[in-house]
C-alpha atoms as a PDB file:
ATOM      1  CA  MET A   1      91.572 -65.732 171.597  1.00  0.00           C
ATOM      2  CA  SER A   2      93.048 -62.357 172.171  1.00  0.00           C
ATOM      3  CA  ASP A   3      94.104 -59.974 169.485  1.00  0.00           C
ATOM      4  CA  PRO A   4      97.887 -59.293 169.399  1.00  0.00           C
ATOM      5  CA  GLY A   5      97.314 -55.565 168.721  1.00  0.00           C
ATOM      6  CA  GLN A   6      95.210 -54.979 171.785  1.00  0.00           C
ATOM      7  CA  PRO A   7      96.725 -54.509 175.280  1.00  0.00           C
ATOM      8  CA  GLN A   8      96.026 -57.289 177.719  1.00  0.00           C
ATOM      9  CA  GLU A   9      94.067 -56.567 180.815  1.00  0.00           C
ATOM     10  CA  PRO A  10      95.590 -57.323 184.240  1.00  0.00           C
ATOM     11  CA  ALA A  11      94.074 -59.968 186.395  1.00  0.00           C
ATOM     12  CA  ALA A  12      90.766 -59.018 187.936  1.00  0.00           C
ATOM     13  CA  SER A  13      92.124 -59.190 191.489  1.00  0.00           C
ATOM     14  CA  GLU A  14      94.872 -56.510 190.980  1.00  0.00           C
ATOM     15  CA  PRO A  15      94.280 -53.028 189.605  1.00  0.00           C
ATOM     16  CA  ALA A  16      96.621 -51.704 186.865  1.00  0.00           C
ATOM     17  CA  GLU A  17      98.166 -48.854 188.940  1.00  0.00           C
ATOM     18  CA  VAL A  18      99.118 -51.057 191.879  1.00  0.00           C
ATOM     19  CA  ILE A  19     101.431 -53.430 190.015  1.00  0.00           C
ATOM     20  CA  PRO A  20     104.048 -50.863 188.794  1.00  0.00           C
ATOM     21  CA  GLU A  21     104.035 -48.995 192.134  1.00  0.00           C
ATOM     22  CA  THR A  22     104.463 -52.195 194.132  1.00  0.00           C
ATOM     23  CA  VAL A  23     107.309 -53.374 191.942  1.00  0.00           C
ATOM     24  CA  ALA A  24     109.026 -49.973 192.115  1.00  0.00           C
ATOM     25  CA  THR A  25     108.700 -49.906 195.897  1.00  0.00           C
ATOM     26  CA  TYR A  26     110.072 -53.438 196.165  1.00  0.00           C
ATOM     27  CA  LEU A  27     113.057 -52.616 193.953  1.00  0.00           C
ATOM     28  CA  ARG A  28     113.755 -49.387 195.828  1.00  0.00           C
ATOM     29  CA  LEU A  29     113.643 -51.115 199.220  1.00  0.00           C
ATOM     30  CA  ARG A  30     115.952 -53.871 198.009  1.00  0.00           C
ATOM     31  CA  GLY A  31     118.408 -51.224 196.781  1.00  0.00           C
ATOM     32  CA  LEU A  32     118.112 -52.312 193.189  1.00  0.00           C
ATOM     33  CA  GLU A  33     116.460 -49.133 192.005  1.00  0.00           C
ATOM     34  CA  PRO A  34     117.714 -45.868 193.485  1.00  0.00           C
ATOM     35  CA  SER A  35     115.283 -43.422 194.980  1.00  0.00           C
ATOM     36  CA  ALA A  36     115.372 -39.705 194.236  1.00  0.00           C
ATOM     37  CA  ARG A  37     117.146 -39.097 197.559  1.00  0.00           C
ATOM     38  CA  ALA A  38     119.826 -41.715 196.829  1.00  0.00           C
ATOM     39  CA  TYR A  39     120.305 -40.224 193.382  1.00  0.00           C
ATOM     40  CA  ARG A  40     120.955 -36.767 194.891  1.00  0.00           C
ATOM     41  CA  LYS A  41     123.429 -38.239 197.421  1.00  0.00           C
ATOM     42  CA  LYS A  42     125.248 -40.160 194.723  1.00  0.00           C
ATOM     43  CA  LYS A  43     125.414 -37.075 192.526  1.00  0.00           C
ATOM     44  CA  ARG A  44     126.769 -34.956 195.362  1.00  0.00           C
ATOM     45  CA  ARG A  45     129.300 -37.624 196.367  1.00  0.00           C
ATOM     46  CA  ARG A  46     130.458 -38.082 192.801  1.00  0.00           C
ATOM     47  CA  THR A  47     131.557 -34.439 192.563  1.00  0.00           C
ATOM     48  CA  ALA A  48     133.447 -34.645 195.880  1.00  0.00           C
ATOM     49  CA  ASP A  49     135.244 -37.898 195.015  1.00  0.00           C
ATOM     50  CA  ASP A  50     136.497 -36.926 191.562  1.00  0.00           C
ATOM     51  CA  GLU A  51     140.061 -36.759 192.855  1.00  0.00           C
ATOM     52  CA  ASN A  52     139.820 -40.377 194.037  1.00  0.00           C
ATOM     53  CA  ALA A  53     138.366 -41.708 190.813  1.00  0.00           C
ATOM     54  CA  PRO A  54     140.451 -44.376 189.101  1.00  0.00           C
ATOM     55  CA  PHE A  55     142.589 -43.525 186.084  1.00  0.00           C
ATOM     56  CA  THR A  56     142.714 -39.793 186.890  1.00  0.00           C
ATOM     57  CA  ALA A  57     145.837 -37.684 187.148  1.00  0.00           C
ATOM     58  CA  GLY A  58     147.816 -38.089 190.372  1.00  0.00           C
ATOM     59  CA  ARG A  59     146.552 -41.585 191.137  1.00  0.00           C
ATOM     60  CA  ASP A  60     149.798 -43.394 190.320  1.00  0.00           C
ATOM     61  CA  PRO A  61     151.591 -44.857 193.339  1.00  0.00           C
ATOM     62  CA  ARG A  62     154.557 -42.843 194.583  1.00  0.00           C
ATOM     63  CA  GLY A  63     157.642 -43.898 196.476  1.00  0.00           C
ATOM     64  CA  LEU A  64     158.166 -43.142 200.142  1.00  0.00           C
ATOM     65  CA  GLY A  65     161.029 -40.774 199.339  1.00  0.00           C
ATOM     66  CA  ASP A  66     158.787 -38.697 197.070  1.00  0.00           C
ATOM     67  CA  VAL A  67     156.098 -38.482 199.731  1.00  0.00           C
ATOM     68  CA  LEU A  68     158.631 -37.435 202.405  1.00  0.00           C
ATOM     69  CA  ALA A  69     160.087 -34.793 200.093  1.00  0.00           C
ATOM     70  CA  VAL A  70     156.635 -33.264 199.631  1.00  0.00           C
ATOM     71  CA  VAL A  71     155.938 -33.366 203.383  1.00  0.00           C
ATOM     72  CA  THR A  72     159.263 -31.734 204.316  1.00  0.00           C
ATOM     73  CA  ARG A  73     158.819 -29.031 201.687  1.00  0.00           C
ATOM     74  CA  GLU A  74     155.254 -28.240 202.782  1.00  0.00           C
ATOM     75  CA  ALA A  75     156.221 -28.232 206.489  1.00  0.00           C
ATOM     76  CA  GLY A  76     159.217 -25.928 205.900  1.00  0.00           C
ATOM     77  CA  TRP A  77     161.767 -28.413 207.234  1.00  0.00           C
ATOM     78  CA  GLU A  78     164.154 -28.247 204.253  1.00  0.00           C
ATOM     79  CA  PRO A  79     166.597 -25.634 205.708  1.00  0.00           C
ATOM     80  CA  ALA A  80     166.885 -27.432 209.063  1.00  0.00           C
ATOM     81  CA  LEU A  81     167.357 -30.819 207.409  1.00  0.00           C
ATOM     82  CA  ALA A  82     169.958 -29.382 205.014  1.00  0.00           C
ATOM     83  CA  ARG A  83     171.927 -27.975 207.988  1.00  0.00           C
ATOM     84  CA  GLU A  84     171.798 -31.390 209.636  1.00  0.00           C
ATOM     85  CA  ASP A  85     173.057 -32.929 206.397  1.00  0.00           C
ATOM     86  CA  VAL A  86     176.044 -30.557 206.458  1.00  0.00           C
ATOM     87  CA  VAL A  87     176.935 -31.781 209.949  1.00  0.00           C
ATOM     88  CA  ARG A  88     176.259 -35.439 209.079  1.00  0.00           C
ATOM     89  CA  THR A  89     178.412 -35.372 205.918  1.00  0.00           C
ATOM     90  CA  TRP A  90     181.136 -33.079 207.250  1.00  0.00           C
ATOM     91  CA  SER A  91     183.877 -35.566 206.331  1.00  0.00           C
ATOM     92  CA  GLU A  92     182.725 -35.526 202.688  1.00  0.00           C
ATOM     93  CA  VAL A  93     182.340 -31.747 202.558  1.00  0.00           C
ATOM     94  CA  ALA A  94     185.611 -30.775 204.257  1.00  0.00           C
ATOM     95  CA  GLY A  95     187.665 -33.858 203.468  1.00  0.00           C
ATOM     96  CA  ALA A  96     188.487 -36.916 205.556  1.00  0.00           C
ATOM     97  CA  ASP A  97     191.767 -35.565 206.983  1.00  0.00           C
ATOM     98  CA  THR A  98     190.231 -32.231 207.908  1.00  0.00           C
ATOM     99  CA  ALA A  99     187.209 -33.907 209.474  1.00  0.00           C
ATOM    100  CA  LYS A 100     189.478 -35.890 211.823  1.00  0.00           C
ATOM    101  CA  HIS A 101     190.626 -32.624 213.415  1.00  0.00           C
ATOM    102  CA  THR A 102     187.436 -30.530 213.205  1.00  0.00           C
ATOM    103  CA  ARG A 103     183.734 -30.696 213.948  1.00  0.00           C
ATOM    104  CA  PRO A 104     180.824 -28.325 213.355  1.00  0.00           C
ATOM    105  CA  VAL A 105     179.529 -27.026 216.672  1.00  0.00           C
ATOM    106  CA  ALA A 106     176.971 -24.312 215.908  1.00  0.00           C
ATOM    107  CA  PHE A 107     174.903 -22.669 213.223  1.00  0.00           C
ATOM    108  CA  THR A 108     173.573 -19.191 213.932  1.00  0.00           C
ATOM    109  CA  ASP A 109     172.342 -16.467 211.568  1.00  0.00           C
ATOM    110  CA  GLY A 110     173.873 -18.048 208.472  1.00  0.00           C
ATOM    111  CA  THR A 111     177.276 -18.632 210.084  1.00  0.00           C
ATOM    112  CA  LEU A 112     178.583 -22.159 210.575  1.00  0.00           C
ATOM    113  CA  THR A 113     180.984 -22.416 213.521  1.00  0.00           C
ATOM    114  CA  VAL A 114     183.607 -25.166 213.252  1.00  0.00           C
ATOM    115  CA  GLN A 115     185.860 -26.113 216.172  1.00  0.00           C
ATOM    116  CA  ALA A 116     189.371 -27.399 215.452  1.00  0.00           C
ATOM    117  CA  ASP A 117     191.687 -29.556 217.585  1.00  0.00           C
ATOM    118  CA  SER A 118     194.375 -26.868 217.654  1.00  0.00           C
ATOM    119  CA  THR A 119     194.835 -23.240 216.764  1.00  0.00           C
ATOM    120  CA  ALA A 120     197.108 -24.312 213.899  1.00  0.00           C
ATOM    121  CA  TRP A 121     194.250 -26.286 212.317  1.00  0.00           C
ATOM    122  CA  ALA A 122     191.895 -23.343 212.837  1.00  0.00           C
ATOM    123  CA  LYS A 123     194.332 -20.997 211.074  1.00  0.00           C
ATOM    124  CA  GLN A 124     194.861 -23.454 208.201  1.00  0.00           C
ATOM    125  CA  LEU A 125     191.109 -23.793 207.732  1.00  0.00           C
ATOM    126  CA  GLN A 126     190.723 -20.014 207.596  1.00  0.00           C
ATOM    127  CA  ILE A 127     192.918 -20.136 204.506  1.00  0.00           C
ATOM    128  CA  MET A 128     190.702 -22.895 203.025  1.00  0.00           C
ATOM    129  CA  ARG A 129     187.458 -21.112 203.979  1.00  0.00           C
ATOM    130  CA  SER A 130     186.327 -20.248 200.450  1.00  0.00           C
ATOM    131  CA  GLN A 131     186.791 -23.814 199.191  1.00  0.00           C
ATOM    132  CA  ILE A 132     184.808 -25.347 202.048  1.00  0.00           C
ATOM    133  CA  LEU A 133     182.087 -22.681 201.836  1.00  0.00           C
ATOM    134  CA  SER A 134     181.650 -23.142 198.081  1.00  0.00           C
ATOM    135  CA  GLU A 135     181.387 -26.922 198.564  1.00  0.00           C
ATOM    136  CA  ILE A 136     178.681 -26.481 201.222  1.00  0.00           C
ATOM    137  CA  ILE A 137     176.733 -24.071 199.030  1.00  0.00           C
ATOM    138  CA  ARG A 138     177.042 -26.376 196.038  1.00  0.00           C
ATOM    139  CA  ARG A 139     175.843 -29.482 197.908  1.00  0.00           C
ATOM    140  CA  TYR A 140     173.304 -27.924 200.290  1.00  0.00           C
ATOM    141  CA  PRO A 141     171.945 -24.624 198.972  1.00  0.00           C
ATOM    142  CA  GLU A 142     168.865 -24.862 201.247  1.00  0.00           C
ATOM    143  CA  ALA A 143     171.060 -24.830 204.382  1.00  0.00           C
ATOM    144  CA  GLY A 144     171.552 -21.067 204.188  1.00  0.00           C
ATOM    145  CA  VAL A 145     175.257 -21.118 205.114  1.00  0.00           C
ATOM    146  CA  GLU A 146     176.672 -17.689 204.266  1.00  0.00           C
ATOM    147  CA  SER A 147     179.973 -17.807 206.144  1.00  0.00           C
ATOM    148  CA  ILE A 148     182.149 -20.127 208.210  1.00  0.00           C
ATOM    149  CA  ARG A 149     183.884 -19.291 211.481  1.00  0.00           C
ATOM    150  CA  PHE A 150     186.771 -21.475 212.654  1.00  0.00           C
ATOM    151  CA  ILE A 151     187.660 -21.537 216.336  1.00  0.00           C
ATOM    152  CA  GLY A 152     190.404 -23.277 218.276  1.00  0.00           C
ATOM    153  CA  PRO A 153     189.994 -25.772 221.087  1.00  0.00           C
ATOM    154  CA  ASP A 154     188.137 -24.906 224.273  1.00  0.00           C
ATOM    155  CA  VAL A 155     190.526 -23.407 226.801  1.00  0.00           C
ATOM    156  CA  PRO A 156     189.692 -21.855 230.143  1.00  0.00           C
ATOM    157  CA  SER A 157     189.273 -18.102 230.105  1.00  0.00           C
ATOM    158  CA  TRP A 158     189.472 -15.804 233.078  1.00  0.00           C
ATOM    159  CA  LYS A 159     188.094 -12.836 231.195  1.00  0.00           C
ATOM    160  CA  TRP A 160     184.467 -13.994 231.082  1.00  0.00           C
ATOM    161  CA  GLY A 161     181.979 -15.259 233.621  1.00  0.00           C
ATOM    162  CA  PRO A 162     180.161 -14.175 236.766  1.00  0.00           C
ATOM    163  CA  ARG A 163     183.275 -13.909 238.981  1.00  0.00           C
ATOM    164  CA  THR A 164     185.511 -11.753 236.820  1.00  0.00           C
ATOM    165  CA  ILE A 165     187.260  -8.760 238.268  1.00  0.00           C
ATOM    166  CA  PRO A 166     188.833  -5.893 236.433  1.00  0.00           C
ATOM    167  CA  GLY A 167     192.569  -5.998 236.102  1.00  0.00           C
ATOM    168  CA  ARG A 168     195.317  -8.029 234.497  1.00  0.00           C
ATOM    169  CA  GLY A 169     194.070 -11.385 235.742  1.00  0.00           C
ATOM    170  CA  PRO A 170     196.063 -14.263 237.204  1.00  0.00           C
ATOM    171  CA  ARG A 171     199.786 -14.494 236.598  1.00  0.00           C
ATOM    172  CA  ASP A 172     202.254 -17.286 237.214  1.00  0.00           C
ATOM    173  CA  THR A 173     199.446 -19.760 237.695  1.00  0.00           C
ATOM    174  CA  TYR A 174     201.129 -22.720 236.081  1.00  0.00           C
ATOM    175  CA  GLY A 175     204.222 -23.082 237.910  1.00  0.00           C
END
């Protein structure tokens, strides 16, 4: 009988050092016990993936609108998109009746150019300029609209172009 206080000897066919090394090698090869190299990789990876760890700040799902807002802000598209919104919602900004007779045609250097159906509408809108401008600035501050220019309908002009000549121009053309 063996004494419970004394360590037991391994079987005579296997030395004592071989058993732990063989088991450790087996476990390491099976992936059950990490090697020193795997431990270093895991440690390095853990520091790089902290932002993707569960239950950390910023991991909550976000809506598509929130993601697009971040993308447009980071890309610098907000002013261009705000100008497009002014054109798209012109009937709301200027009023439905006014929008029937006008349309925005250009935006250059902070000036919005609006073309009217007639010179009378263009003159009337010049009187309403401050109201329309304040509404645009209130709704779309990112658009960068500083002033509005109202023009009449497109009419032929003999004063501009490659074939102009100095002088008074054509007379009695219509009749």
